Amino acid sequence: MVMRCCQIQKVLKVIIMTFKNYMNLAIEEAKKAQVRGEVPIGAVIIDQYGKILSREGNRTIELNDPTAHAEILAIRKACHIMQNQRLINCSMYVTLEPCPMCAAAISNARISKLYFGAEDYKSGGVYNGPKLYLNKQCHHIPEVFDGIGLTESEHILKSFFKARR
């Protein structure tokens, strides 16, 4: 079946809207984290059918836990819901490039796709820093898509840190 250009554009629009919708949920979680006084990062995990398994924001201060990053909390909750340590065929949307700890957890959980907003030039672990997924010791490499919700993700983070200085 041959698709016309306008049909292809409609399909692409639906796909882009889906990315944006899930990233919007991660951005909502980042805003909630900011209200709590946490670094505003949010994460959402969906299953292969688009069902939301978990939505979390940073809670390191609230929980007195340096590992309570949005990604880690979202993975824990999704694994609990799935009753499995593996989140095969699941996708994660996160507002900032995961740090090395979170990038490793994403790999260990076998998350299939990672979508993130802003790059983290200082503490990132995917495209910056150790570039974990390029390391031969990495057992699972998710498909990575960056720049989803970039403008709003960057704005939230920049305004948070500007207010702190």
N, C-alpha and C. Protein backbone atom coordinates (compact mmCIF):
# COMPACT_ATOMS: atom_id res chain seq x y z
N MET A 1 0.84 -1.18 0.00
CA MET A 1 0.00 0.00 0.00
C MET A 1 0.89 1.24 0.00
N VAL A 2 0.63 2.12 -0.91
CA VAL A 2 1.39 3.36 -1.02
C VAL A 2 0.65 4.46 -0.26
N MET A 3 1.39 5.16 0.60
CA MET A 3 0.79 6.25 1.36
C MET A 3 1.09 7.58 0.69
N ARG A 4 0.12 8.43 0.65
CA ARG A 4 0.32 9.77 0.12
C ARG A 4 1.09 10.60 1.13
N CYS A 5 1.66 11.67 0.65
CA CYS A 5 2.45 12.56 1.51
C CYS A 5 1.63 13.07 2.69
N CYS A 6 0.37 13.47 2.46
CA CYS A 6 -0.45 13.99 3.55
C CYS A 6 -0.77 12.89 4.56
N GLN A 7 -0.90 11.64 4.11
CA GLN A 7 -1.14 10.54 5.04
C GLN A 7 0.08 10.30 5.92
N ILE A 8 1.25 10.37 5.31
CA ILE A 8 2.49 10.20 6.06
C ILE A 8 2.63 11.31 7.08
N GLN A 9 2.30 12.54 6.70
CA GLN A 9 2.39 13.67 7.63
C GLN A 9 1.45 13.47 8.82
N LYS A 10 0.25 12.94 8.56
CA LYS A 10 -0.70 12.68 9.66
C LYS A 10 -0.16 11.63 10.61
N VAL A 11 0.43 10.57 10.06
CA VAL A 11 1.00 9.51 10.88
C VAL A 11 2.15 10.07 11.72
N LEU A 12 3.02 10.85 11.11
CA LEU A 12 4.14 11.45 11.83
C LEU A 12 3.63 12.39 12.92
N LYS A 13 2.58 13.14 12.64
CA LYS A 13 2.02 14.04 13.64
C LYS A 13 1.51 13.26 14.85
N VAL A 14 0.85 12.14 14.63
CA VAL A 14 0.36 11.31 15.72
C VAL A 14 1.53 10.78 16.54
N ILE A 15 2.59 10.32 15.87
CA ILE A 15 3.77 9.81 16.57
C ILE A 15 4.41 10.91 17.40
N ILE A 16 4.60 12.08 16.83
CA ILE A 16 5.21 13.20 17.55
C ILE A 16 4.33 13.61 18.71
N MET A 17 3.00 13.62 18.53
CA MET A 17 2.10 13.98 19.62
C MET A 17 2.22 12.99 20.77
N THR A 18 2.39 11.71 20.43
CA THR A 18 2.55 10.69 21.47
C THR A 18 3.81 10.96 22.28
N PHE A 19 4.93 11.22 21.60
CA PHE A 19 6.17 11.54 22.31
C PHE A 19 5.94 12.75 23.21
N LYS A 20 5.34 13.78 22.66
CA LYS A 20 5.12 15.02 23.39
C LYS A 20 4.20 14.79 24.58
N ASN A 21 3.14 14.00 24.42
CA ASN A 21 2.21 13.76 25.51
C ASN A 21 2.88 13.09 26.69
N TYR A 22 3.67 12.06 26.44
CA TYR A 22 4.35 11.38 27.55
C TYR A 22 5.42 12.29 28.16
N MET A 23 6.11 13.05 27.33
CA MET A 23 7.10 13.98 27.87
C MET A 23 6.41 15.07 28.68
N ASN A 24 5.22 15.48 28.27
CA ASN A 24 4.48 16.46 29.06
C ASN A 24 4.20 15.94 30.46
N LEU A 25 3.94 14.65 30.59
CA LEU A 25 3.72 14.05 31.91
C LEU A 25 5.01 14.09 32.73
N ALA A 26 6.14 13.82 32.08
CA ALA A 26 7.43 13.91 32.78
C ALA A 26 7.69 15.35 33.21
N ILE A 27 7.34 16.30 32.38
CA ILE A 27 7.52 17.72 32.72
C ILE A 27 6.63 18.08 33.91
N GLU A 28 5.41 17.55 33.96
CA GLU A 28 4.53 17.78 35.11
C GLU A 28 5.19 17.26 36.39
N GLU A 29 5.81 16.08 36.32
CA GLU A 29 6.49 15.52 37.48
C GLU A 29 7.69 16.37 37.88
N ALA A 30 8.38 16.93 36.90
CA ALA A 30 9.51 17.82 37.20
C ALA A 30 9.03 19.06 37.93
N LYS A 31 7.90 19.60 37.51
CA LYS A 31 7.34 20.78 38.17
C LYS A 31 6.93 20.46 39.61
N LYS A 32 6.37 19.29 39.83
CA LYS A 32 6.00 18.87 41.19
C LYS A 32 7.26 18.74 42.06
N ALA A 33 8.32 18.21 41.48
CA ALA A 33 9.58 18.08 42.22
C ALA A 33 10.10 19.46 42.60
N GLN A 34 9.99 20.40 41.69
CA GLN A 34 10.45 21.77 41.95
C GLN A 34 9.68 22.39 43.11
N VAL A 35 8.37 22.17 43.16
CA VAL A 35 7.55 22.68 44.26
C VAL A 35 8.02 22.10 45.59
N ARG A 36 8.48 20.85 45.57
CA ARG A 36 8.98 20.20 46.79
C ARG A 36 10.39 20.65 47.15
N GLY A 37 10.99 21.51 46.31
CA GLY A 37 12.35 21.97 46.57
C GLY A 37 13.42 21.04 46.01
N GLU A 38 13.00 20.09 45.20
CA GLU A 38 13.93 19.13 44.59
C GLU A 38 14.40 19.66 43.23
N VAL A 39 15.51 19.14 42.74
CA VAL A 39 15.92 19.46 41.38
C VAL A 39 14.81 18.97 40.46
N PRO A 40 14.29 19.84 39.59
CA PRO A 40 13.10 19.50 38.80
C PRO A 40 13.35 18.55 37.63
N ILE A 41 13.34 17.28 37.95
CA ILE A 41 13.48 16.24 36.93
C ILE A 41 12.31 15.28 37.11
N GLY A 42 11.68 14.93 36.00
CA GLY A 42 10.56 14.01 36.03
C GLY A 42 10.77 12.87 35.06
N ALA A 43 10.16 11.72 35.37
CA ALA A 43 10.29 10.54 34.52
C ALA A 43 8.95 9.81 34.45
N VAL A 44 8.70 9.22 33.29
CA VAL A 44 7.49 8.42 33.06
C VAL A 44 7.91 7.14 32.35
N ILE A 45 7.34 6.01 32.78
CA ILE A 45 7.59 4.74 32.10
C ILE A 45 6.27 4.22 31.58
N ILE A 46 6.28 3.82 30.32
CA ILE A 46 5.08 3.24 29.69
C ILE A 46 5.41 1.84 29.20
N ASP A 47 4.36 1.02 29.12
CA ASP A 47 4.57 -0.32 28.57
C ASP A 47 4.44 -0.26 27.05
N GLN A 48 4.54 -1.41 26.40
CA GLN A 48 4.54 -1.46 24.94
C GLN A 48 3.21 -1.03 24.32
N TYR A 49 2.16 -0.97 25.13
CA TYR A 49 0.85 -0.58 24.62
C TYR A 49 0.53 0.88 24.93
N GLY A 50 1.46 1.58 25.56
CA GLY A 50 1.25 2.98 25.90
C GLY A 50 0.62 3.20 27.26
N LYS A 51 0.45 2.13 28.04
CA LYS A 51 -0.10 2.27 29.39
C LYS A 51 0.98 2.83 30.31
N ILE A 52 0.61 3.84 31.07
CA ILE A 52 1.56 4.44 32.00
C ILE A 52 1.72 3.52 33.20
N LEU A 53 2.96 3.10 33.44
CA LEU A 53 3.27 2.24 34.58
C LEU A 53 3.68 3.05 35.79
N SER A 54 4.42 4.14 35.56
CA SER A 54 4.86 4.97 36.68
C SER A 54 5.20 6.38 36.21
N ARG A 55 5.04 7.29 37.15
CA ARG A 55 5.39 8.71 36.95
C ARG A 55 6.04 9.17 38.25
N GLU A 56 7.21 9.72 38.14
CA GLU A 56 7.93 10.14 39.34
C GLU A 56 8.76 11.39 39.08
N GLY A 57 9.04 12.10 40.15
CA GLY A 57 9.96 13.22 40.13
C GLY A 57 11.02 12.98 41.18
N ASN A 58 12.09 13.76 41.13
CA ASN A 58 13.16 13.61 42.12
C ASN A 58 12.62 13.74 43.54
N ARG A 59 13.17 12.95 44.45
CA ARG A 59 12.79 12.99 45.87
C ARG A 59 14.02 12.74 46.77
N THR A 60 15.18 13.15 46.32
CA THR A 60 16.39 12.89 47.10
C THR A 60 16.38 13.59 48.45
N ILE A 61 15.89 14.82 48.48
CA ILE A 61 15.84 15.58 49.74
C ILE A 61 14.73 15.05 50.63
N GLU A 62 13.56 14.89 50.05
CA GLU A 62 12.39 14.41 50.80
C GLU A 62 12.65 13.06 51.47
N LEU A 63 13.29 12.16 50.75
CA LEU A 63 13.51 10.81 51.26
C LEU A 63 14.89 10.64 51.91
N ASN A 64 15.70 11.70 51.91
CA ASN A 64 17.08 11.60 52.42
C ASN A 64 17.79 10.42 51.78
N ASP A 65 17.67 10.34 50.46
CA ASP A 65 18.18 9.20 49.71
C ASP A 65 18.85 9.71 48.43
N PRO A 66 20.16 9.64 48.34
CA PRO A 66 20.84 10.14 47.14
C PRO A 66 20.50 9.34 45.87
N THR A 67 19.89 8.18 46.02
CA THR A 67 19.50 7.39 44.84
C THR A 67 18.06 7.65 44.42
N ALA A 68 17.35 8.53 45.09
CA ALA A 68 15.93 8.76 44.80
C ALA A 68 15.74 9.73 43.63
N HIS A 69 16.45 9.43 42.54
CA HIS A 69 16.27 10.19 41.30
C HIS A 69 14.95 9.76 40.66
N ALA A 70 14.39 10.63 39.85
CA ALA A 70 13.10 10.34 39.20
C ALA A 70 13.14 9.01 38.45
N GLU A 71 14.22 8.77 37.74
CA GLU A 71 14.33 7.54 36.94
C GLU A 71 14.33 6.30 37.82
N ILE A 72 15.09 6.34 38.89
CA ILE A 72 15.20 5.19 39.79
C ILE A 72 13.85 4.90 40.43
N LEU A 73 13.20 5.96 40.92
CA LEU A 73 11.88 5.77 41.55
C LEU A 73 10.86 5.22 40.55
N ALA A 74 10.90 5.73 39.32
CA ALA A 74 9.98 5.26 38.29
C ALA A 74 10.25 3.79 37.95
N ILE A 75 11.51 3.42 37.88
CA ILE A 75 11.87 2.02 37.59
C ILE A 75 11.38 1.11 38.72
N ARG A 76 11.63 1.52 39.96
CA ARG A 76 11.18 0.70 41.10
C ARG A 76 9.68 0.47 41.08
N LYS A 77 8.94 1.54 40.85
CA LYS A 77 7.47 1.43 40.84
C LYS A 77 7.00 0.56 39.66
N ALA A 78 7.57 0.77 38.47
CA ALA A 78 7.16 -0.01 37.30
C ALA A 78 7.49 -1.49 37.49
N CYS A 79 8.66 -1.79 38.05
CA CYS A 79 9.02 -3.19 38.31
C CYS A 79 8.06 -3.83 39.30
N HIS A 80 7.68 -3.06 40.31
CA HIS A 80 6.71 -3.57 41.29
C HIS A 80 5.37 -3.88 40.60
N ILE A 81 4.92 -2.98 39.76
CA ILE A 81 3.65 -3.18 39.05
C ILE A 81 3.73 -4.38 38.11
N MET A 82 4.84 -4.49 37.40
CA MET A 82 5.01 -5.59 36.44
C MET A 82 5.39 -6.90 37.13
N GLN A 83 5.74 -6.84 38.43
CA GLN A 83 6.20 -8.02 39.17
C GLN A 83 7.36 -8.69 38.45
N ASN A 84 8.30 -7.83 37.99
CA ASN A 84 9.44 -8.33 37.24
C ASN A 84 10.57 -7.32 37.36
N GLN A 85 11.80 -7.80 37.42
CA GLN A 85 12.95 -6.91 37.47
C GLN A 85 13.29 -6.34 36.11
N ARG A 86 12.68 -6.87 35.08
CA ARG A 86 12.93 -6.43 33.70
C ARG A 86 11.71 -5.66 33.18
N LEU A 87 11.99 -4.59 32.49
CA LEU A 87 10.93 -3.78 31.89
C LEU A 87 11.07 -3.84 30.36
N ILE A 88 11.12 -5.06 29.87
CA ILE A 88 11.30 -5.31 28.44
C ILE A 88 10.10 -4.74 27.69
N ASN A 89 10.39 -4.10 26.56
CA ASN A 89 9.39 -3.45 25.71
C ASN A 89 8.76 -2.22 26.35
N CYS A 90 9.37 -1.71 27.40
CA CYS A 90 8.89 -0.48 28.03
C CYS A 90 9.76 0.69 27.58
N SER A 91 9.21 1.88 27.68
CA SER A 91 9.92 3.10 27.32
C SER A 91 9.93 4.06 28.50
N MET A 92 10.99 4.83 28.59
CA MET A 92 11.09 5.87 29.63
C MET A 92 11.21 7.23 28.96
N TYR A 93 10.47 8.18 29.51
CA TYR A 93 10.56 9.59 29.12
C TYR A 93 11.07 10.33 30.34
N VAL A 94 12.15 11.08 30.18
CA VAL A 94 12.73 11.82 31.30
C VAL A 94 13.17 13.19 30.81
N THR A 95 13.02 14.19 31.66
CA THR A 95 13.26 15.57 31.24
C THR A 95 14.73 15.92 31.06
N LEU A 96 15.63 15.18 31.67
CA LEU A 96 17.06 15.45 31.56
C LEU A 96 17.81 14.16 31.27
N GLU A 97 18.87 14.27 30.50
CA GLU A 97 19.72 13.11 30.23
C GLU A 97 20.07 12.41 31.54
N PRO A 98 19.84 11.11 31.63
CA PRO A 98 20.13 10.39 32.87
C PRO A 98 21.61 10.45 33.27
N CYS A 99 21.83 10.52 34.57
CA CYS A 99 23.19 10.46 35.11
C CYS A 99 23.71 9.03 34.93
N PRO A 100 24.98 8.79 35.20
CA PRO A 100 25.52 7.42 35.05
C PRO A 100 24.76 6.38 35.88
N MET A 101 24.37 6.72 37.12
CA MET A 101 23.64 5.76 37.96
C MET A 101 22.31 5.40 37.31
N CYS A 102 21.59 6.40 36.84
CA CYS A 102 20.27 6.15 36.24
C CYS A 102 20.40 5.47 34.89
N ALA A 103 21.41 5.85 34.11
CA ALA A 103 21.64 5.20 32.81
C ALA A 103 21.91 3.70 33.02
N ALA A 104 22.68 3.38 34.05
CA ALA A 104 22.96 1.97 34.35
C ALA A 104 21.69 1.25 34.79
N ALA A 105 20.87 1.90 35.60
CA ALA A 105 19.61 1.28 36.04
C ALA A 105 18.67 1.04 34.86
N ILE A 106 18.64 1.97 33.93
CA ILE A 106 17.82 1.83 32.72
C ILE A 106 18.29 0.61 31.93
N SER A 107 19.58 0.47 31.80
CA SER A 107 20.16 -0.68 31.11
C SER A 107 19.84 -1.98 31.85
N ASN A 108 20.06 -1.98 33.17
CA ASN A 108 19.81 -3.19 33.96
C ASN A 108 18.34 -3.60 33.95
N ALA A 109 17.44 -2.63 33.85
CA ALA A 109 16.01 -2.93 33.80
C ALA A 109 15.59 -3.36 32.39
N ARG A 110 16.50 -3.26 31.45
CA ARG A 110 16.23 -3.65 30.05
C ARG A 110 15.13 -2.80 29.40
N ILE A 111 15.08 -1.53 29.78
CA ILE A 111 14.13 -0.61 29.15
C ILE A 111 14.51 -0.50 27.68
N SER A 112 13.52 -0.60 26.81
CA SER A 112 13.79 -0.66 25.37
C SER A 112 14.11 0.68 24.74
N LYS A 113 13.38 1.72 25.17
CA LYS A 113 13.56 3.04 24.56
C LYS A 113 13.66 4.10 25.63
N LEU A 114 14.60 5.01 25.44
CA LEU A 114 14.81 6.13 26.35
C LEU A 114 14.63 7.42 25.57
N TYR A 115 13.71 8.25 26.01
CA TYR A 115 13.48 9.57 25.42
C TYR A 115 13.82 10.60 26.48
N PHE A 116 14.68 11.56 26.15
CA PHE A 116 14.95 12.60 27.14
C PHE A 116 14.92 13.98 26.50
N GLY A 117 14.71 14.97 27.36
CA GLY A 117 14.61 16.35 26.91
C GLY A 117 15.96 17.00 26.72
N ALA A 118 16.52 17.52 27.80
CA ALA A 118 17.76 18.28 27.75
C ALA A 118 18.97 17.39 27.99
N GLU A 119 20.08 17.73 27.35
CA GLU A 119 21.34 17.05 27.65
C GLU A 119 21.88 17.60 28.96
N ASP A 120 22.59 16.76 29.69
CA ASP A 120 23.25 17.17 30.93
C ASP A 120 24.76 17.14 30.68
N TYR A 121 25.29 18.30 30.30
CA TYR A 121 26.70 18.39 29.92
C TYR A 121 27.63 18.16 31.11
N LYS A 122 27.15 18.40 32.32
CA LYS A 122 27.98 18.27 33.51
C LYS A 122 27.92 16.86 34.10
N SER A 123 26.70 16.29 34.21
CA SER A 123 26.53 15.04 34.95
C SER A 123 25.84 13.93 34.17
N GLY A 124 25.69 14.10 32.87
CA GLY A 124 25.02 13.08 32.07
C GLY A 124 25.83 11.81 31.96
N GLY A 125 25.13 10.73 31.65
CA GLY A 125 25.81 9.44 31.51
C GLY A 125 25.54 8.75 30.20
N VAL A 126 24.77 9.41 29.32
CA VAL A 126 24.41 8.79 28.04
C VAL A 126 25.23 9.39 26.90
N TYR A 127 25.05 10.69 26.64
CA TYR A 127 25.81 11.38 25.59
C TYR A 127 27.01 12.12 26.14
N ASN A 128 27.03 12.35 27.45
CA ASN A 128 28.09 13.09 28.10
C ASN A 128 28.71 12.21 29.18
N GLY A 129 29.77 12.71 29.82
CA GLY A 129 30.41 11.94 30.89
C GLY A 129 30.90 10.59 30.38
N PRO A 130 30.57 9.51 31.10
CA PRO A 130 31.10 8.20 30.74
C PRO A 130 30.47 7.57 29.50
N LYS A 131 29.40 8.16 28.98
CA LYS A 131 28.73 7.61 27.78
C LYS A 131 28.53 6.10 27.96
N LEU A 132 27.81 5.77 29.00
CA LEU A 132 27.66 4.40 29.45
C LEU A 132 27.29 3.41 28.35
N TYR A 133 26.41 3.81 27.44
CA TYR A 133 25.92 2.86 26.44
C TYR A 133 26.94 2.57 25.34
N LEU A 134 28.04 3.31 25.32
CA LEU A 134 29.12 3.02 24.37
C LEU A 134 30.16 2.07 24.97
N ASN A 135 30.02 1.79 26.25
CA ASN A 135 30.97 0.96 26.97
C ASN A 135 30.68 -0.52 26.68
N LYS A 136 31.71 -1.29 26.38
CA LYS A 136 31.51 -2.70 26.04
C LYS A 136 30.99 -3.53 27.21
N GLN A 137 31.12 -3.01 28.45
CA GLN A 137 30.58 -3.73 29.61
C GLN A 137 29.07 -3.55 29.76
N CYS A 138 28.48 -2.67 28.98
CA CYS A 138 27.04 -2.43 29.05
C CYS A 138 26.31 -3.60 28.37
N HIS A 139 25.48 -4.29 29.13
CA HIS A 139 24.81 -5.50 28.63
C HIS A 139 23.58 -5.22 27.78
N HIS A 140 22.92 -4.11 28.03
CA HIS A 140 21.72 -3.76 27.26
C HIS A 140 21.78 -2.29 26.92
N ILE A 141 21.56 -1.99 25.65
CA ILE A 141 21.57 -0.60 25.20
C ILE A 141 20.19 -0.25 24.66
N PRO A 142 19.49 0.69 25.33
CA PRO A 142 18.18 1.09 24.82
C PRO A 142 18.35 1.98 23.59
N GLU A 143 17.31 2.06 22.79
CA GLU A 143 17.29 3.07 21.74
C GLU A 143 17.15 4.41 22.43
N VAL A 144 17.93 5.40 22.03
CA VAL A 144 17.92 6.69 22.71
C VAL A 144 17.47 7.78 21.73
N PHE A 145 16.53 8.61 22.20
CA PHE A 145 16.02 9.73 21.44
C PHE A 145 16.11 10.97 22.33
N ASP A 146 16.81 11.98 21.88
CA ASP A 146 16.98 13.18 22.69
C ASP A 146 16.21 14.36 22.10
N GLY A 147 16.11 15.42 22.89
CA GLY A 147 15.49 16.65 22.42
C GLY A 147 13.97 16.66 22.49
N ILE A 148 13.35 15.64 23.06
CA ILE A 148 11.89 15.60 23.19
C ILE A 148 11.51 16.51 24.36
N GLY A 149 10.74 17.56 24.09
CA GLY A 149 10.38 18.51 25.14
C GLY A 149 11.57 19.33 25.61
N LEU A 150 12.54 19.51 24.73
CA LEU A 150 13.79 20.17 25.07
C LEU A 150 13.60 21.57 25.65
N THR A 151 12.84 22.41 24.97
CA THR A 151 12.71 23.81 25.39
C THR A 151 12.15 23.93 26.79
N GLU A 152 11.06 23.23 27.07
CA GLU A 152 10.45 23.33 28.40
C GLU A 152 11.31 22.66 29.46
N SER A 153 11.92 21.54 29.14
CA SER A 153 12.80 20.87 30.10
C SER A 153 13.96 21.79 30.50
N GLU A 154 14.59 22.41 29.51
CA GLU A 154 15.69 23.33 29.80
C GLU A 154 15.22 24.53 30.61
N HIS A 155 14.07 25.07 30.24
CA HIS A 155 13.53 26.25 30.93
C HIS A 155 13.30 25.97 32.41
N ILE A 156 12.70 24.85 32.72
CA ILE A 156 12.42 24.50 34.12
C ILE A 156 13.72 24.39 34.91
N LEU A 157 14.69 23.71 34.35
CA LEU A 157 15.97 23.53 35.05
C LEU A 157 16.71 24.86 35.21
N LYS A 158 16.79 25.65 34.15
CA LYS A 158 17.50 26.92 34.22
C LYS A 158 16.85 27.87 35.22
N SER A 159 15.53 27.94 35.21
CA SER A 159 14.85 28.84 36.15
C SER A 159 15.04 28.36 37.60
N PHE A 160 15.05 27.06 37.82
CA PHE A 160 15.26 26.51 39.15
C PHE A 160 16.64 26.91 39.69
N PHE A 161 17.67 26.69 38.88
CA PHE A 161 19.03 26.99 39.34
C PHE A 161 19.29 28.49 39.41
N LYS A 162 18.68 29.25 38.53
CA LYS A 162 18.83 30.72 38.58
C LYS A 162 18.26 31.25 39.89
N ALA A 163 17.12 30.72 40.32
CA ALA A 163 16.50 31.16 41.57
C ALA A 163 17.35 30.78 42.78
N ARG A 164 18.15 29.74 42.68
CA ARG A 164 18.98 29.28 43.79
C ARG A 164 20.27 30.06 43.94
N ARG A 165 20.67 30.76 42.88
CA ARG A 165 21.96 31.47 42.91
C ARG A 165 21.83 32.84 43.50
